C-alpha atoms as a PDB file:
ATOM      1  CA  MET A   1       0.000   0.000   0.000  1.00  0.00           C
ATOM      2  CA  ASP A   2       1.537   3.320  -0.978  1.00  0.00           C
ATOM      3  CA  LYS A   3       1.737   6.319   1.336  1.00  0.00           C
ATOM      4  CA  VAL A   4      -0.687   8.483  -0.659  1.00  0.00           C
ATOM      5  CA  ASN A   5      -3.325   5.788  -0.393  1.00  0.00           C
ATOM      6  CA  VAL A   6      -2.833   5.561   3.402  1.00  0.00           C
ATOM      7  CA  GLU A   7      -3.313   9.302   3.730  1.00  0.00           C
ATOM      8  CA  ARG A   8      -6.405   9.231   1.525  1.00  0.00           C
ATOM      9  CA  GLN A   9      -7.879   6.306   3.447  1.00  0.00           C
ATOM     10  CA  LEU A  10      -7.295   8.048   6.797  1.00  0.00           C
ATOM     11  CA  LEU A  11      -9.772  10.703   5.647  1.00  0.00           C
ATOM     12  CA  ASP A  12     -12.477   8.033   6.047  1.00  0.00           C
ATOM     13  CA  PRO A  13     -14.182   8.298   9.484  1.00  0.00           C
ATOM     14  CA  ASN A  14     -14.482   4.487   9.527  1.00  0.00           C
ATOM     15  CA  ALA A  15     -10.684   4.138   9.729  1.00  0.00           C
ATOM     16  CA  TYR A  16     -10.681   5.114  13.421  1.00  0.00           C
ATOM     17  CA  PRO A  17     -11.294   3.038  16.556  1.00  0.00           C
ATOM     18  CA  ASP A  18     -13.811   5.532  18.003  1.00  0.00           C
ATOM     19  CA  LYS A  19     -16.959   6.940  16.421  1.00  0.00           C
ATOM     20  CA  VAL A  20     -15.925   9.788  14.136  1.00  0.00           C
ATOM     21  CA  ASP A  21     -18.284  11.952  12.085  1.00  0.00           C
ATOM     22  CA  LYS A  22     -15.705  13.967  10.155  1.00  0.00           C
ATOM     23  CA  VAL A  23     -11.936  13.929   9.622  1.00  0.00           C
ATOM     24  CA  GLU A  24      -9.847  17.053   9.007  1.00  0.00           C
ATOM     25  CA  HIS A  25      -6.361  16.820   7.491  1.00  0.00           C
ATOM     26  CA  VAL A  26      -3.491  19.169   8.365  1.00  0.00           C
ATOM     27  CA  GLU A  27      -0.168  18.804   6.550  1.00  0.00           C
ATOM     28  CA  THR A  28       3.172  20.074   7.845  1.00  0.00           C
ATOM     29  CA  HIS A  29       6.565  19.788   6.177  1.00  0.00           C
ATOM     30  CA  ILE A  30       7.280  16.502   8.023  1.00  0.00           C
ATOM     31  CA  SER A  31       3.875  15.137   9.112  1.00  0.00           C
ATOM     32  CA  HIS A  32       0.240  14.501   8.312  1.00  0.00           C
ATOM     33  CA  ILE A  33      -2.212  15.159  11.137  1.00  0.00           C
ATOM     34  CA  PHE A  34      -5.727  13.770  11.067  1.00  0.00           C
ATOM     35  CA  LEU A  35      -8.231  15.446  13.390  1.00  0.00           C
ATOM     36  CA  ALA A  36     -10.809  12.757  14.077  1.00  0.00           C
ATOM     37  CA  GLY A  37     -13.401  13.116  16.806  1.00  0.00           C
ATOM     38  CA  ALA A  38     -11.796  13.776  20.189  1.00  0.00           C
ATOM     39  CA  TYR A  39      -8.327  12.811  18.939  1.00  0.00           C
ATOM     40  CA  ALA A  40      -5.565  13.931  16.618  1.00  0.00           C
ATOM     41  CA  TYR A  41      -3.413  11.302  14.903  1.00  0.00           C
ATOM     42  CA  LYS A  42      -0.026  12.359  13.537  1.00  0.00           C
ATOM     43  CA  ILE A  43       1.933  10.246  11.069  1.00  0.00           C
ATOM     44  CA  LYS A  44       5.438  11.141  10.018  1.00  0.00           C
ATOM     45  CA  LYS A  45       6.261  11.472   6.340  1.00  0.00           C
ATOM     46  CA  PRO A  46       8.847   8.945   5.071  1.00  0.00           C
ATOM     47  CA  LEU A  47      11.607  11.537   4.706  1.00  0.00           C
ATOM     48  CA  ASN A  48      15.350  11.708   5.202  1.00  0.00           C
ATOM     49  CA  LEU A  49      16.376  15.353   5.398  1.00  0.00           C
ATOM     50  CA  GLY A  50      19.783  14.696   6.919  1.00  0.00           C
ATOM     51  CA  PHE A  51      18.909  16.340  10.227  1.00  0.00           C
ATOM     52  CA  LEU A  52      15.966  13.930  10.607  1.00  0.00           C
ATOM     53  CA  ASP A  53      15.457  10.479   9.178  1.00  0.00           C
ATOM     54  CA  PHE A  54      11.937   9.021   9.023  1.00  0.00           C
ATOM     55  CA  SER A  55      12.766   6.913   5.961  1.00  0.00           C
ATOM     56  CA  THR A  56      11.742   3.496   7.361  1.00  0.00           C
ATOM     57  CA  LEU A  57       8.731   2.228   9.280  1.00  0.00           C
ATOM     58  CA  GLN A  58      10.918   1.320  12.279  1.00  0.00           C
ATOM     59  CA  LYS A  59      12.469   4.799  12.346  1.00  0.00           C
ATOM     60  CA  ARG A  60       9.031   6.417  12.186  1.00  0.00           C
ATOM     61  CA  LYS A  61       7.847   4.198  15.050  1.00  0.00           C
ATOM     62  CA  PHE A  62      10.928   5.128  17.113  1.00  0.00           C
ATOM     63  CA  PHE A  63      10.445   8.857  16.523  1.00  0.00           C
ATOM     64  CA  CYS A  64       6.725   8.629  17.282  1.00  0.00           C
ATOM     65  CA  GLU A  65       7.628   7.004  20.611  1.00  0.00           C
ATOM     66  CA  GLU A  66      10.269   9.678  21.243  1.00  0.00           C
ATOM     67  CA  GLU A  67       7.775  12.443  20.464  1.00  0.00           C
ATOM     68  CA  VAL A  68       5.342  11.076  23.041  1.00  0.00           C
ATOM     69  CA  ARG A  69       8.095  10.538  25.630  1.00  0.00           C
ATOM     70  CA  LEU A  70       9.692  13.961  25.214  1.00  0.00           C
ATOM     71  CA  ASN A  71       6.616  16.110  24.667  1.00  0.00           C
ATOM     72  CA  SER A  72       4.668  14.491  27.499  1.00  0.00           C
ATOM     73  CA  ARG A  73       7.028  16.251  29.895  1.00  0.00           C
ATOM     74  CA  LEU A  74       5.335  19.580  29.112  1.00  0.00           C
ATOM     75  CA  SER A  75       2.057  18.430  27.538  1.00  0.00           C
ATOM     76  CA  SER A  76       1.007  15.282  29.382  1.00  0.00           C
ATOM     77  CA  ASP A  77      -2.641  16.282  28.987  1.00  0.00           C
ATOM     78  CA  ILE A  78      -2.305  16.160  25.184  1.00  0.00           C
ATOM     79  CA  TYR A  79      -0.027  13.216  24.321  1.00  0.00           C
ATOM     80  CA  ILE A  80      -1.549   9.745  24.780  1.00  0.00           C
ATOM     81  CA  ASP A  81       0.411   7.017  22.987  1.00  0.00           C
ATOM     82  CA  VAL A  82       1.608   5.549  19.703  1.00  0.00           C
ATOM     83  CA  VAL A  83      -0.889   3.427  17.794  1.00  0.00           C
ATOM     84  CA  PRO A  84      -0.390   1.039  14.872  1.00  0.00           C
ATOM     85  CA  ILE A  85      -2.054   1.472  11.505  1.00  0.00           C
ATOM     86  CA  ILE A  86      -2.858  -1.690   9.571  1.00  0.00           C
ATOM     87  CA  TYR A  87      -4.197  -2.609   6.167  1.00  0.00           C
ATOM     88  CA  SER A  88      -6.827  -5.336   6.366  1.00  0.00           C
ATOM     89  CA  ASN A  89      -9.580  -6.481   4.000  1.00  0.00           C
ATOM     90  CA  GLY A  90      -8.943  -3.605   1.613  1.00  0.00           C
ATOM     91  CA  ARG A  91      -9.093  -0.927   4.305  1.00  0.00           C
ATOM     92  CA  THR A  92      -6.636   1.127   6.313  1.00  0.00           C
ATOM     93  CA  LEU A  93      -7.442   1.085  10.027  1.00  0.00           C
ATOM     94  CA  ILE A  94      -5.986   2.786  13.083  1.00  0.00           C
ATOM     95  CA  LEU A  95      -6.043   0.409  16.015  1.00  0.00           C
ATOM     96  CA  ASP A  96      -6.063   0.957  19.722  1.00  0.00           C
ATOM     97  CA  ASN A  97      -2.790  -0.173  21.222  1.00  0.00           C
ATOM     98  CA  GLN A  98      -3.900  -3.815  21.503  1.00  0.00           C
ATOM     99  CA  ILE A  99      -2.759  -5.603  18.359  1.00  0.00           C
ATOM    100  CA  ASP A 100      -2.562  -9.124  17.074  1.00  0.00           C
ATOM    101  CA  LYS A 101       1.084  -9.838  16.218  1.00  0.00           C
ATOM    102  CA  GLN A 102      -0.089 -11.463  12.966  1.00  0.00           C
ATOM    103  CA  LEU A 103      -1.405  -8.174  11.587  1.00  0.00           C
ATOM    104  CA  ASP A 104       0.615  -6.303   8.993  1.00  0.00           C
ATOM    105  CA  ILE A 105       1.441  -2.888  10.441  1.00  0.00           C
ATOM    106  CA  ILE A 106       1.921  -0.349   7.652  1.00  0.00           C
ATOM    107  CA  GLU A 107       2.411   2.810   9.733  1.00  0.00           C
ATOM    108  CA  TYR A 108       2.404   4.282  13.242  1.00  0.00           C
ATOM    109  CA  ALA A 109       0.664   7.394  14.541  1.00  0.00           C
ATOM    110  CA  VAL A 110       1.059   9.573  17.604  1.00  0.00           C
ATOM    111  CA  ARG A 111      -2.372   9.755  19.250  1.00  0.00           C
ATOM    112  CA  MET A 112      -3.159  12.989  21.056  1.00  0.00           C
ATOM    113  CA  HIS A 113      -6.160  14.600  22.672  1.00  0.00           C
ATOM    114  CA  ARG A 114      -7.541  17.140  20.263  1.00  0.00           C
ATOM    115  CA  PHE A 115      -7.769  20.808  21.262  1.00  0.00           C
ATOM    116  CA  ASP A 116      -9.449  23.869  19.794  1.00  0.00           C
ATOM    117  CA  ARG A 117      -7.340  25.065  16.852  1.00  0.00           C
ATOM    118  CA  LYS A 118      -8.273  28.652  17.703  1.00  0.00           C
ATOM    119  CA  MET A 119      -5.967  28.227  20.708  1.00  0.00           C
ATOM    120  CA  GLU A 120      -2.861  27.539  18.583  1.00  0.00           C
ATOM    121  CA  LEU A 121      -0.258  30.215  19.308  1.00  0.00           C
ATOM    122  CA  ASP A 122       0.098  31.396  15.704  1.00  0.00           C
ATOM    123  CA  THR A 123      -3.674  31.835  15.425  1.00  0.00           C
ATOM    124  CA  LEU A 124      -3.832  33.748  18.696  1.00  0.00           C
ATOM    125  CA  LEU A 125      -0.956  36.001  17.658  1.00  0.00           C
ATOM    126  CA  ASP A 126      -2.595  36.718  14.296  1.00  0.00           C
ATOM    127  CA  GLN A 127      -5.742  37.812  16.106  1.00  0.00           C
ATOM    128  CA  LYS A 128      -4.341  39.676  19.117  1.00  0.00           C
ATOM    129  CA  ASP A 129      -7.369  41.952  19.142  1.00  0.00           C
ATOM    130  CA  ASN A 130      -9.729  39.085  19.941  1.00  0.00           C
ATOM    131  CA  ASN A 131     -10.987  38.346  23.439  1.00  0.00           C
ATOM    132  CA  LEU A 132      -8.954  35.135  23.720  1.00  0.00           C
ATOM    133  CA  TRP A 133      -5.468  36.671  23.781  1.00  0.00           C
ATOM    134  CA  ARG A 134      -3.780  37.605  27.071  1.00  0.00           C
ATOM    135  CA  ASP A 135      -0.447  39.479  26.931  1.00  0.00           C
ATOM    136  CA  GLU A 136       0.670  37.852  30.187  1.00  0.00           C
ATOM    137  CA  TRP A 137       0.715  34.463  28.431  1.00  0.00           C
ATOM    138  CA  ILE A 138       4.092  35.304  26.859  1.00  0.00           C
ATOM    139  CA  ASP A 139       5.627  35.850  30.314  1.00  0.00           C
ATOM    140  CA  GLU A 140       3.976  32.656  31.609  1.00  0.00           C
ATOM    141  CA  LEU A 141       5.262  30.684  28.623  1.00  0.00           C
ATOM    142  CA  ALA A 142       8.787  32.072  29.053  1.00  0.00           C
ATOM    143  CA  SER A 143       8.723  31.216  32.783  1.00  0.00           C
ATOM    144  CA  CYS A 144       7.481  27.694  32.067  1.00  0.00           C
ATOM    145  CA  VAL A 145      10.190  27.055  29.462  1.00  0.00           C
ATOM    146  CA  ALA A 146      12.901  28.546  31.708  1.00  0.00           C
ATOM    147  CA  GLU A 147      11.789  26.376  34.652  1.00  0.00           C
ATOM    148  CA  PHE A 148      11.746  23.300  32.418  1.00  0.00           C
ATOM    149  CA  HIS A 149      15.319  23.939  31.267  1.00  0.00           C
ATOM    150  CA  ARG A 150      16.481  24.749  34.801  1.00  0.00           C
ATOM    151  CA  ASN A 151      15.219  21.352  35.991  1.00  0.00           C
ATOM    152  CA  SER A 152      16.374  19.312  32.974  1.00  0.00           C
ATOM    153  CA  ALA A 153      19.480  17.169  33.049  1.00  0.00           C
ATOM    154  CA  VAL A 154      22.438  18.521  31.114  1.00  0.00           C
ATOM    155  CA  ALA A 155      23.371  16.327  28.160  1.00  0.00           C
ATOM    156  CA  SER A 156      26.993  15.421  27.625  1.00  0.00           C
ATOM    157  CA  VAL A 157      28.856  16.585  24.532  1.00  0.00           C
ATOM    158  CA  GLU A 158      29.184  12.932  23.485  1.00  0.00           C
ATOM    159  CA  SER A 159      25.390  12.497  23.364  1.00  0.00           C
ATOM    160  CA  GLY A 160      25.278  14.420  20.102  1.00  0.00           C
END
């Protein structure tokens, strides 16, 4: 099954483990995100850009797991887990984490709780005159990031 077909099939609400009425697709330079019901599912594009390598299924699985592990430190209320995507009986399906080892996994997705896209920082900044924006958020964000770095372990030079 080619990648384009997987992406097209993930637009089908029946591809998801929960009841979904509509699926929205957001594309970034390295990912496809499918907004489906209460969840967002992010698959990594099979790319090797030198500074990142998602060229194989195993590498994409590893980096999905790393994304959940690393980003959960600051966004544990958003990141849930990594789920397999299979192709079965002519359909692409996202499974809950329980899988039969006999199934042919064709991709992995980061599963996240969905949030209101109006609350994305770039959207808020574009509409600073709206009632949602609070100037003090920048100071709060800076304090949160500074505290995170203050409490993080220092990596050795050898770690890359």
